Protein backbone atom coordinates (compact mmCIF):
# COMPACT_ATOMS: atom_id res chain seq x y z
CA MET A 1 54.53 -1.86 -2.00
CA THR A 2 51.09 -2.00 -0.21
CA LYS A 3 48.09 -0.12 -1.18
CA ILE A 4 46.29 1.88 1.70
CA LYS A 5 42.45 1.89 1.08
CA LYS A 6 40.65 4.94 2.38
CA GLU A 7 38.09 4.52 5.46
CA GLN A 8 34.91 4.06 3.91
CA VAL A 9 32.36 6.43 5.94
CA ILE A 10 29.04 4.99 6.18
CA PRO A 11 26.43 7.79 5.85
CA GLU A 12 23.70 8.27 8.35
CA HIS A 13 20.14 8.69 6.84
CA HIS A 14 16.83 9.10 8.41
CA ASP A 15 13.44 8.41 6.82
CA ILE A 16 10.61 10.70 6.78
CA LEU A 17 9.61 10.12 10.09
CA GLY A 18 13.24 10.30 11.63
CA ASN A 19 13.68 6.68 11.85
CA LEU A 20 17.41 5.42 11.31
CA LEU A 21 17.93 3.82 7.88
CA SER A 22 20.44 0.79 7.19
CA VAL A 23 21.19 -1.52 4.91
CA GLY A 24 18.74 -4.40 4.85
CA ASP A 25 15.82 -2.41 6.23
CA TYR A 26 12.50 -2.74 4.44
CA VAL A 27 11.05 0.71 3.17
CA ALA A 28 7.84 1.69 1.39
CA TYR A 29 8.25 4.32 -1.18
CA PRO A 30 6.44 6.09 -4.14
CA GLU A 31 6.98 4.76 -7.74
CA THR A 32 4.84 6.11 -10.59
CA ASN A 33 1.46 6.61 -8.66
CA THR A 34 2.04 3.20 -6.86
CA LEU A 35 3.43 2.31 -3.38
CA ILE A 36 6.06 -0.13 -3.39
CA VAL A 37 7.82 -2.27 -0.53
CA GLY A 38 11.39 -2.69 -1.13
CA LYS A 39 14.71 -3.49 0.98
CA ILE A 40 17.71 -1.24 1.12
CA GLU A 41 20.68 -2.53 -0.56
CA LYS A 42 23.28 0.46 -0.18
CA LEU A 43 23.53 3.63 1.44
CA ASN A 44 25.18 6.13 -0.66
CA PRO A 45 26.15 9.72 0.38
CA LYS A 46 23.02 11.47 -0.53
CA MET A 47 20.38 8.54 -1.44
CA VAL A 48 19.60 5.12 -0.74
CA ARG A 49 19.53 2.16 -3.23
CA VAL A 50 16.26 0.36 -2.87
CA LYS A 51 15.61 -3.20 -4.45
CA GLY A 52 11.78 -3.64 -4.98
CA VAL A 53 10.18 -4.41 -8.32
CA TRP A 54 13.46 -3.06 -9.73
CA THR A 55 16.40 -1.05 -8.39
CA SER A 56 16.11 2.45 -7.86
CA LEU A 57 17.58 5.42 -5.96
CA LYS A 58 15.61 7.42 -3.64
CA TYR A 59 16.05 10.29 -1.20
CA PRO A 60 15.92 9.20 2.46
CA ALA A 61 12.91 11.63 2.96
CA ASP A 62 10.98 9.85 0.04
CA VAL A 63 10.80 6.50 2.12
CA VAL A 64 9.40 5.20 5.26
CA LYS A 65 10.95 2.40 7.40
CA LEU A 66 8.56 -0.67 7.71
CA ASP A 67 8.60 -2.99 10.58
CA GLY A 68 6.32 -5.25 12.82
CA PRO A 69 3.57 -7.69 12.33
CA MET A 70 2.30 -5.98 9.28
CA LEU A 71 5.50 -6.08 7.51
CA THR A 72 5.71 -9.85 8.54
CA ALA A 73 2.25 -10.63 7.25
CA TYR A 74 3.19 -8.81 3.96
CA LEU A 75 6.35 -10.82 3.42
CA LEU A 76 4.68 -14.12 4.21
CA LYS A 77 2.15 -13.27 1.78
CA LEU A 78 4.66 -12.91 -1.11
C-alpha cells in the first residue's frame, strides 16, 4: 500500500510595498525598537518565518524586501 501525499500549496505573500516574497529573500523587519535584516526560511499560510538574530514569525505586511547594491554592501560588511 502506498501513501499518497497531499499537494503542498505554496502561499503567495507580498511585503508592505507589494513585492512578491519567496524563500531565500532578504527582508528588513522591526523587532523591539530596532530594525533587523533577516532571510526568509519558510512561507506559512498566514506568516513568514524569518531568520535574523533569532528565528521569528512575521506577517508579510510587517517586512520589506531588500535587494540591490545596499544589501550587497551590508552582507559584505558582516
